[in-house]
Amino acid sequence: MDAGLSRREIAKRLAAIGEDLDSIDAVLITHEHTDHTCGLPALIKHGSCVRNIPVYVTHGTPTFIDWCESTPACESFQAGCAFSIGDFDIRSFTVPHDAVNPVGYTLEAEGIRVAIATDLGYITDSLRVHLRGVNLLLLESNHDLEMLRVGPYPWSVKQRVMSRRGHLSNEVAAEFIRHDLDSTVSTLILGHISEHNNHPELVRNMGFKALDGRALFTKLVVADPRLPSEVFCY
């Protein structure tokens, strides 16, 4: 899912869980921004050899990815489409973000359903529908509004982040958890945390407060932006 790390770092993290680069069957891309695609050219090309890894992207997105002269044969699809890769049934859904054709995904196999929803400016009604019935949810909790306002970013960037095509704040993520998080979610991962405008402990405290009173048996995990998470098994 995306390739925003270097090839070496991806290989290192795969090795830590007993896997390697040759075990990758496909790469799903959410959108073209470099923090999601910068490692993709090296991932599909090692030395002079272009590896035959299918790259799934929405229509229009490949044009805006810097392939470093290693453009693969992409599997392009329309946002909202469903398709299968091996044992996984995958459904894409549109998210509001300042990219060409950005999407999130749900993946289902053997009765377990996982959803990834990051890089979105607000929670749409259709997104609420797509996030129902999932067992594990990775949801963006990108920034603390006050830290963003007084932080180092130029005002134009701050406006972009706070816009309806920017990123979810801790406050908006908490509102979703309080009112819309499905009882099927046994693991909630809050991620895509800004290193300049947020802090994992702020996200953790917000998450626990939002879950308080919901009477849900939901495990809360905060994904540190610098470290790999634990492995989740079902």
C-alpha atoms as a PDB file:
ATOM      1  CA  MET A   1       0.000   0.000   0.000  1.00  0.00           C
ATOM      2  CA  ASP A   2       1.856   3.068  -1.350  1.00  0.00           C
ATOM      3  CA  ALA A   3       5.662   3.324  -1.421  1.00  0.00           C
ATOM      4  CA  GLY A   4       6.670   6.478   0.411  1.00  0.00           C
ATOM      5  CA  LEU A   5       9.821   4.957   1.921  1.00  0.00           C
ATOM      6  CA  SER A   6      13.118   4.129   0.240  1.00  0.00           C
ATOM      7  CA  ARG A   7      13.623   0.694  -1.284  1.00  0.00           C
ATOM      8  CA  ARG A   8      16.175  -0.084   1.423  1.00  0.00           C
ATOM      9  CA  GLU A   9      13.784   0.885   4.226  1.00  0.00           C
ATOM     10  CA  ILE A  10      10.923  -1.105   2.688  1.00  0.00           C
ATOM     11  CA  ALA A  11      13.235  -4.138   2.416  1.00  0.00           C
ATOM     12  CA  LYS A  12      14.368  -3.659   6.034  1.00  0.00           C
ATOM     13  CA  ARG A  13      10.818  -3.508   7.372  1.00  0.00           C
ATOM     14  CA  LEU A  14       9.741  -6.518   5.323  1.00  0.00           C
ATOM     15  CA  ALA A  15      12.719  -8.493   6.634  1.00  0.00           C
ATOM     16  CA  ALA A  16      11.672  -7.648  10.205  1.00  0.00           C
ATOM     17  CA  ILE A  17       8.431  -9.600   9.656  1.00  0.00           C
ATOM     18  CA  GLY A  18      10.001 -12.452   7.708  1.00  0.00           C
ATOM     19  CA  GLU A  19       9.190 -11.207   4.207  1.00  0.00           C
ATOM     20  CA  ASP A  20      11.214  -9.767   1.317  1.00  0.00           C
ATOM     21  CA  LEU A  21      10.758  -7.634  -1.778  1.00  0.00           C
ATOM     22  CA  ASP A  22      10.204 -10.692  -3.958  1.00  0.00           C
ATOM     23  CA  SER A  23       7.058 -11.495  -1.953  1.00  0.00           C
ATOM     24  CA  ILE A  24       5.317  -8.327  -3.172  1.00  0.00           C
ATOM     25  CA  ASP A  25       2.503  -9.303  -5.541  1.00  0.00           C
ATOM     26  CA  ALA A  26       1.213  -5.779  -6.246  1.00  0.00           C
ATOM     27  CA  VAL A  27       1.383  -2.176  -5.098  1.00  0.00           C
ATOM     28  CA  LEU A  28      -1.757  -0.119  -4.511  1.00  0.00           C
ATOM     29  CA  ILE A  29      -1.260   3.646  -4.802  1.00  0.00           C
ATOM     30  CA  THR A  30      -3.642   6.078  -3.091  1.00  0.00           C
ATOM     31  CA  HIS A  31      -2.385   9.226  -4.870  1.00  0.00           C
ATOM     32  CA  GLU A  32       0.681  10.723  -6.501  1.00  0.00           C
ATOM     33  CA  HIS A  33       2.184  12.851  -3.703  1.00  0.00           C
ATOM     34  CA  THR A  34       5.850  12.047  -3.078  1.00  0.00           C
ATOM     35  CA  ASP A  35       5.384  10.949   0.538  1.00  0.00           C
ATOM     36  CA  HIS A  36       3.352   8.073  -0.929  1.00  0.00           C
ATOM     37  CA  THR A  37       5.323   7.334  -4.120  1.00  0.00           C
ATOM     38  CA  CYS A  38       8.984   8.390  -3.761  1.00  0.00           C
ATOM     39  CA  GLY A  39      10.159   4.791  -3.259  1.00  0.00           C
ATOM     40  CA  LEU A  40       8.131   3.380  -6.119  1.00  0.00           C
ATOM     41  CA  PRO A  41      10.674   3.756  -8.976  1.00  0.00           C
ATOM     42  CA  ALA A  42      13.376   1.867  -7.043  1.00  0.00           C
ATOM     43  CA  LEU A  43      10.846  -0.723  -5.929  1.00  0.00           C
ATOM     44  CA  ILE A  44       9.901  -1.655  -9.491  1.00  0.00           C
ATOM     45  CA  LYS A  45      13.435  -1.348 -10.895  1.00  0.00           C
ATOM     46  CA  HIS A  46      16.567  -2.804  -9.340  1.00  0.00           C
ATOM     47  CA  GLY A  47      19.707  -1.981 -11.311  1.00  0.00           C
ATOM     48  CA  SER A  48      18.850  -2.471 -14.991  1.00  0.00           C
ATOM     49  CA  CYS A  49      16.086  -4.967 -14.213  1.00  0.00           C
ATOM     50  CA  VAL A  50      12.473  -3.778 -14.194  1.00  0.00           C
ATOM     51  CA  ARG A  51      10.549  -6.069 -11.844  1.00  0.00           C
ATOM     52  CA  ASN A  52       7.135  -7.240 -12.972  1.00  0.00           C
ATOM     53  CA  ILE A  53       5.147  -5.861 -10.032  1.00  0.00           C
ATOM     54  CA  PRO A  54       1.654  -4.637 -10.985  1.00  0.00           C
ATOM     55  CA  VAL A  55       1.054  -1.058  -9.828  1.00  0.00           C
ATOM     56  CA  TYR A  56      -2.617  -0.168  -9.330  1.00  0.00           C
ATOM     57  CA  VAL A  57      -3.426   3.535  -9.753  1.00  0.00           C
ATOM     58  CA  THR A  58      -6.473   5.622 -10.575  1.00  0.00           C
ATOM     59  CA  HIS A  59      -6.883   7.099 -14.054  1.00  0.00           C
ATOM     60  CA  GLY A  60      -4.738  10.196 -14.479  1.00  0.00           C
ATOM     61  CA  THR A  61      -2.433   9.507 -11.554  1.00  0.00           C
ATOM     62  CA  PRO A  62       0.552   7.881 -13.396  1.00  0.00           C
ATOM     63  CA  THR A  63       1.249  11.082 -15.350  1.00  0.00           C
ATOM     64  CA  PHE A  64       2.040  12.914 -12.120  1.00  0.00           C
ATOM     65  CA  ILE A  65       4.376  10.313 -10.587  1.00  0.00           C
ATOM     66  CA  ASP A  66       8.120  10.774 -11.046  1.00  0.00           C
ATOM     67  CA  TRP A  67       9.053   7.346 -12.407  1.00  0.00           C
ATOM     68  CA  CYS A  68      12.748   8.154 -13.003  1.00  0.00           C
ATOM     69  CA  GLU A  69      12.511   6.638 -16.503  1.00  0.00           C
ATOM     70  CA  SER A  70      11.214   3.329 -15.109  1.00  0.00           C
ATOM     71  CA  THR A  71       7.522   3.655 -15.917  1.00  0.00           C
ATOM     72  CA  PRO A  72       5.797   0.294 -15.407  1.00  0.00           C
ATOM     73  CA  ALA A  73       2.696  -1.000 -17.118  1.00  0.00           C
ATOM     74  CA  CYS A  74       0.169   0.343 -14.627  1.00  0.00           C
ATOM     75  CA  GLU A  75      -3.192  -1.195 -13.873  1.00  0.00           C
ATOM     76  CA  SER A  76      -5.382   1.909 -14.063  1.00  0.00           C
ATOM     77  CA  PHE A  77      -8.910   2.011 -12.666  1.00  0.00           C
ATOM     78  CA  GLN A  78     -11.697   4.481 -12.010  1.00  0.00           C
ATOM     79  CA  ALA A  79     -12.084   5.603  -8.406  1.00  0.00           C
ATOM     80  CA  GLY A  80     -14.918   3.631  -6.840  1.00  0.00           C
ATOM     81  CA  CYS A  81     -14.124   0.453  -8.766  1.00  0.00           C
ATOM     82  CA  ALA A  82     -13.723  -2.968  -7.151  1.00  0.00           C
ATOM     83  CA  PHE A  83     -11.219  -5.612  -8.249  1.00  0.00           C
ATOM     84  CA  SER A  84      -9.366  -8.642  -6.929  1.00  0.00           C
ATOM     85  CA  ILE A  85      -5.676  -9.409  -6.394  1.00  0.00           C
ATOM     86  CA  GLY A  86      -5.067 -13.008  -5.392  1.00  0.00           C
ATOM     87  CA  ASP A  87      -7.298 -13.763  -2.406  1.00  0.00           C
ATOM     88  CA  PHE A  88      -8.050 -10.100  -1.722  1.00  0.00           C
ATOM     89  CA  ASP A  89     -11.269  -8.400  -2.754  1.00  0.00           C
ATOM     90  CA  ILE A  90     -10.446  -4.707  -3.009  1.00  0.00           C
ATOM     91  CA  ARG A  91     -12.731  -1.716  -3.260  1.00  0.00           C
ATOM     92  CA  SER A  92     -11.553   1.826  -3.860  1.00  0.00           C
ATOM     93  CA  PHE A  93     -13.359   4.962  -2.739  1.00  0.00           C
ATOM     94  CA  THR A  94     -12.851   8.637  -3.487  1.00  0.00           C
ATOM     95  CA  VAL A  95     -11.386  10.877  -0.774  1.00  0.00           C
ATOM     96  CA  PRO A  96     -11.312  14.707  -0.731  1.00  0.00           C
ATOM     97  CA  HIS A  97      -7.638  15.639  -1.117  1.00  0.00           C
ATOM     98  CA  ASP A  98      -5.638  18.003  -3.319  1.00  0.00           C
ATOM     99  CA  ALA A  99      -4.398  15.294  -5.656  1.00  0.00           C
ATOM    100  CA  VAL A 100      -5.411  14.240  -9.170  1.00  0.00           C
ATOM    101  CA  ASN A 101      -7.690  11.312  -8.358  1.00  0.00           C
ATOM    102  CA  PRO A 102      -7.056  10.227  -4.741  1.00  0.00           C
ATOM    103  CA  VAL A 103      -8.604   7.134  -3.180  1.00  0.00           C
ATOM    104  CA  GLY A 104      -8.724   5.032  -0.051  1.00  0.00           C
ATOM    105  CA  TYR A 105      -9.168   1.266  -0.021  1.00  0.00           C
ATOM    106  CA  THR A 106     -10.947  -1.553   1.727  1.00  0.00           C
ATOM    107  CA  LEU A 107      -9.402  -5.005   1.437  1.00  0.00           C
ATOM    108  CA  GLU A 108     -11.218  -8.209   2.367  1.00  0.00           C
ATOM    109  CA  ALA A 109      -9.970 -11.787   2.613  1.00  0.00           C
ATOM    110  CA  GLU A 110     -11.194 -14.808   4.585  1.00  0.00           C
ATOM    111  CA  GLY A 111     -13.943 -12.735   6.184  1.00  0.00           C
ATOM    112  CA  ILE A 112     -11.582 -10.040   7.532  1.00  0.00           C
ATOM    113  CA  ARG A 113     -12.014  -6.492   6.241  1.00  0.00           C
ATOM    114  CA  VAL A 114      -9.399  -3.735   6.474  1.00  0.00           C
ATOM    115  CA  ALA A 115      -9.826  -0.063   5.501  1.00  0.00           C
ATOM    116  CA  ILE A 116      -7.217   2.627   4.843  1.00  0.00           C
ATOM    117  CA  ALA A 117      -8.404   6.239   4.873  1.00  0.00           C
ATOM    118  CA  THR A 118      -5.684   8.888   5.003  1.00  0.00           C
ATOM    119  CA  ASP A 119      -5.007  12.162   3.180  1.00  0.00           C
ATOM    120  CA  LEU A 120      -8.525  13.563   3.267  1.00  0.00           C
ATOM    121  CA  GLY A 121      -9.814  16.988   4.228  1.00  0.00           C
ATOM    122  CA  TYR A 122     -13.085  15.879   5.795  1.00  0.00           C
ATOM    123  CA  ILE A 123     -15.292  12.832   6.353  1.00  0.00           C
ATOM    124  CA  THR A 124     -17.748  12.506   3.488  1.00  0.00           C
ATOM    125  CA  ASP A 125     -21.076  10.673   3.728  1.00  0.00           C
ATOM    126  CA  SER A 126     -19.850   8.079   1.229  1.00  0.00           C
ATOM    127  CA  LEU A 127     -16.733   7.519   3.317  1.00  0.00           C
ATOM    128  CA  ARG A 128     -18.874   6.721   6.352  1.00  0.00           C
ATOM    129  CA  VAL A 129     -20.577   4.027   4.278  1.00  0.00           C
ATOM    130  CA  HIS A 130     -17.281   2.513   3.090  1.00  0.00           C
ATOM    131  CA  LEU A 131     -15.910   2.374   6.637  1.00  0.00           C
ATOM    132  CA  ARG A 132     -18.823   0.316   7.958  1.00  0.00           C
ATOM    133  CA  GLY A 133     -18.286  -3.347   8.714  1.00  0.00           C
ATOM    134  CA  VAL A 134     -14.488  -3.177   8.804  1.00  0.00           C
ATOM    135  CA  ASN A 135     -12.407  -5.050  11.378  1.00  0.00           C
ATOM    136  CA  LEU A 136      -9.258  -2.930  11.206  1.00  0.00           C
ATOM    137  CA  LEU A 137      -9.272   0.756  10.286  1.00  0.00           C
ATOM    138  CA  LEU A 138      -6.300   3.008   9.590  1.00  0.00           C
ATOM    139  CA  LEU A 139      -7.615   6.564   9.885  1.00  0.00           C
ATOM    140  CA  GLU A 140      -5.728   9.807   9.479  1.00  0.00           C
ATOM    141  CA  SER A 141      -5.195  12.039  12.523  1.00  0.00           C
ATOM    142  CA  ASN A 142      -2.752  14.410  10.914  1.00  0.00           C
ATOM    143  CA  HIS A 143      -2.517  17.589  12.944  1.00  0.00           C
ATOM    144  CA  ASP A 144      -3.427  19.445  16.093  1.00  0.00           C
ATOM    145  CA  LEU A 145      -5.117  22.678  15.015  1.00  0.00           C
ATOM    146  CA  GLU A 146      -3.337  24.887  17.553  1.00  0.00           C
ATOM    147  CA  MET A 147       0.084  23.385  16.793  1.00  0.00           C
ATOM    148  CA  LEU A 148      -0.568  23.923  13.090  1.00  0.00           C
ATOM    149  CA  ARG A 149      -1.611  27.552  13.591  1.00  0.00           C
ATOM    150  CA  VAL A 150       1.523  28.474  15.558  1.00  0.00           C
ATOM    151  CA  GLY A 151       3.855  26.061  13.732  1.00  0.00           C
ATOM    152  CA  PRO A 152       6.609  26.689  11.161  1.00  0.00           C
ATOM    153  CA  TYR A 153       4.613  26.217   7.940  1.00  0.00           C
ATOM    154  CA  PRO A 154       3.894  29.213   5.671  1.00  0.00           C
ATOM    155  CA  TRP A 155       0.309  30.459   5.973  1.00  0.00           C
ATOM    156  CA  SER A 156      -0.530  29.194   2.476  1.00  0.00           C
ATOM    157  CA  VAL A 157       0.488  25.654   3.474  1.00  0.00           C
ATOM    158  CA  LYS A 158      -1.453  25.922   6.743  1.00  0.00           C
ATOM    159  CA  GLN A 159      -4.552  26.901   4.765  1.00  0.00           C
ATOM    160  CA  ARG A 160      -4.049  23.919   2.451  1.00  0.00           C
ATOM    161  CA  VAL A 161      -3.694  21.478   5.346  1.00  0.00           C
ATOM    162  CA  MET A 162      -6.813  22.836   7.091  1.00  0.00           C
ATOM    163  CA  SER A 163      -8.910  22.945   3.906  1.00  0.00           C
ATOM    164  CA  ARG A 164     -11.560  20.444   2.820  1.00  0.00           C
ATOM    165  CA  ARG A 165      -8.979  19.012   0.406  1.00  0.00           C
ATOM    166  CA  GLY A 166      -6.206  18.844   2.994  1.00  0.00           C
ATOM    167  CA  HIS A 167      -5.784  16.570   6.009  1.00  0.00           C
ATOM    168  CA  LEU A 168      -7.881  15.420   8.970  1.00  0.00           C
ATOM    169  CA  SER A 169      -7.208  17.160  12.267  1.00  0.00           C
ATOM    170  CA  ASN A 170      -7.232  15.363  15.605  1.00  0.00           C
ATOM    171  CA  GLU A 171     -10.536  17.062  16.340  1.00  0.00           C
ATOM    172  CA  VAL A 172     -12.274  15.820  13.188  1.00  0.00           C
ATOM    173  CA  ALA A 173     -10.915  12.302  13.669  1.00  0.00           C
ATOM    174  CA  ALA A 174     -12.243  12.359  17.253  1.00  0.00           C
ATOM    175  CA  GLU A 175     -15.669  13.477  16.046  1.00  0.00           C
ATOM    176  CA  PHE A 176     -15.799  10.516  13.669  1.00  0.00           C
ATOM    177  CA  ILE A 177     -14.771   8.113  16.447  1.00  0.00           C
ATOM    178  CA  ARG A 178     -17.418   9.480  18.830  1.00  0.00           C
ATOM    179  CA  HIS A 179     -20.310   9.346  16.388  1.00  0.00           C
ATOM    180  CA  ASP A 180     -19.519   7.102  13.413  1.00  0.00           C
ATOM    181  CA  LEU A 181     -16.929   4.458  14.284  1.00  0.00           C
ATOM    182  CA  ASP A 182     -18.547   1.091  13.597  1.00  0.00           C
ATOM    183  CA  SER A 183     -18.762  -1.424  16.438  1.00  0.00           C
ATOM    184  CA  THR A 184     -17.140  -3.991  14.110  1.00  0.00           C
ATOM    185  CA  VAL A 185     -13.785  -2.153  14.357  1.00  0.00           C
ATOM    186  CA  SER A 186     -11.660  -4.210  16.745  1.00  0.00           C
ATOM    187  CA  THR A 187      -8.434  -2.324  15.916  1.00  0.00           C
ATOM    188  CA  LEU A 188      -8.305   1.405  15.224  1.00  0.00           C
ATOM    189  CA  ILE A 189      -4.985   2.781  14.009  1.00  0.00           C
ATOM    190  CA  LEU A 190      -4.579   6.560  13.993  1.00  0.00           C
ATOM    191  CA  GLY A 191      -1.831   7.527  11.580  1.00  0.00           C
ATOM    192  CA  HIS A 192      -0.349   9.897   9.001  1.00  0.00           C
ATOM    193  CA  ILE A 193       0.655  12.039  11.980  1.00  0.00           C
ATOM    194  CA  SER A 194       2.502  15.274  11.181  1.00  0.00           C
ATOM    195  CA  GLU A 195       5.951  15.458  12.771  1.00  0.00           C
ATOM    196  CA  HIS A 196       5.760  19.272  12.905  1.00  0.00           C
ATOM    197  CA  ASN A 197       2.131  19.910  13.816  1.00  0.00           C
ATOM    198  CA  ASN A 198       1.174  16.999  16.038  1.00  0.00           C
ATOM    199  CA  HIS A 199       2.477  14.582  18.649  1.00  0.00           C
ATOM    200  CA  PRO A 200       1.648  10.876  19.132  1.00  0.00           C
ATOM    201  CA  GLU A 201       0.640  11.464  22.769  1.00  0.00           C
ATOM    202  CA  LEU A 202      -1.847  14.142  21.745  1.00  0.00           C
ATOM    203  CA  VAL A 203      -3.342  11.691  19.264  1.00  0.00           C
ATOM    204  CA  ARG A 204      -3.408   8.900  21.837  1.00  0.00           C
ATOM    205  CA  ASN A 205      -5.164  11.029  24.474  1.00  0.00           C
ATOM    206  CA  MET A 206      -7.676  12.302  21.924  1.00  0.00           C
ATOM    207  CA  GLY A 207      -8.374   8.764  20.727  1.00  0.00           C
ATOM    208  CA  PHE A 208      -8.990   7.390  24.213  1.00  0.00           C
ATOM    209  CA  LYS A 209     -11.287  10.290  25.100  1.00  0.00           C
ATOM    210  CA  ALA A 210     -13.267   9.819  21.886  1.00  0.00           C
ATOM    211  CA  LEU A 211     -13.655   6.089  22.553  1.00  0.00           C
ATOM    212  CA  ASP A 212     -14.626   6.675  26.190  1.00  0.00           C
ATOM    213  CA  GLY A 213     -18.309   5.972  26.686  1.00  0.00           C
ATOM    214  CA  ARG A 214     -18.742   4.156  23.378  1.00  0.00           C
ATOM    215  CA  ALA A 215     -18.663   0.741  25.104  1.00  0.00           C
ATOM    216  CA  LEU A 216     -16.653  -0.641  22.199  1.00  0.00           C
ATOM    217  CA  PHE A 217     -14.047  -3.382  22.485  1.00  0.00           C
ATOM    218  CA  THR A 218     -11.697  -1.436  20.220  1.00  0.00           C
ATOM    219  CA  LYS A 219      -7.912  -1.560  20.480  1.00  0.00           C
ATOM    220  CA  LEU A 220      -6.395   1.882  19.863  1.00  0.00           C
ATOM    221  CA  VAL A 221      -2.992   2.064  18.172  1.00  0.00           C
ATOM    222  CA  VAL A 222      -1.121   5.274  17.356  1.00  0.00           C
ATOM    223  CA  ALA A 223       1.250   4.873  14.402  1.00  0.00           C
ATOM    224  CA  ASP A 224       4.488   6.718  15.126  1.00  0.00           C
ATOM    225  CA  PRO A 225       5.576   8.409  11.860  1.00  0.00           C
ATOM    226  CA  ARG A 226       9.199   7.256  12.343  1.00  0.00           C
ATOM    227  CA  LEU A 227       8.671   3.643  13.383  1.00  0.00           C
ATOM    228  CA  PRO A 228       7.013   0.503  11.992  1.00  0.00           C
ATOM    229  CA  SER A 229       3.884  -0.566  13.799  1.00  0.00           C
ATOM    230  CA  GLU A 230       3.246  -3.917  15.375  1.00  0.00           C
ATOM    231  CA  VAL A 231       1.931  -6.736  13.185  1.00  0.00           C
ATOM    232  CA  PHE A 232      -1.832  -7.195  13.387  1.00  0.00           C
ATOM    233  CA  CYS A 233      -3.076 -10.775  13.167  1.00  0.00           C
ATOM    234  CA  TYR A 234      -6.654 -12.011  12.860  1.00  0.00           C
END
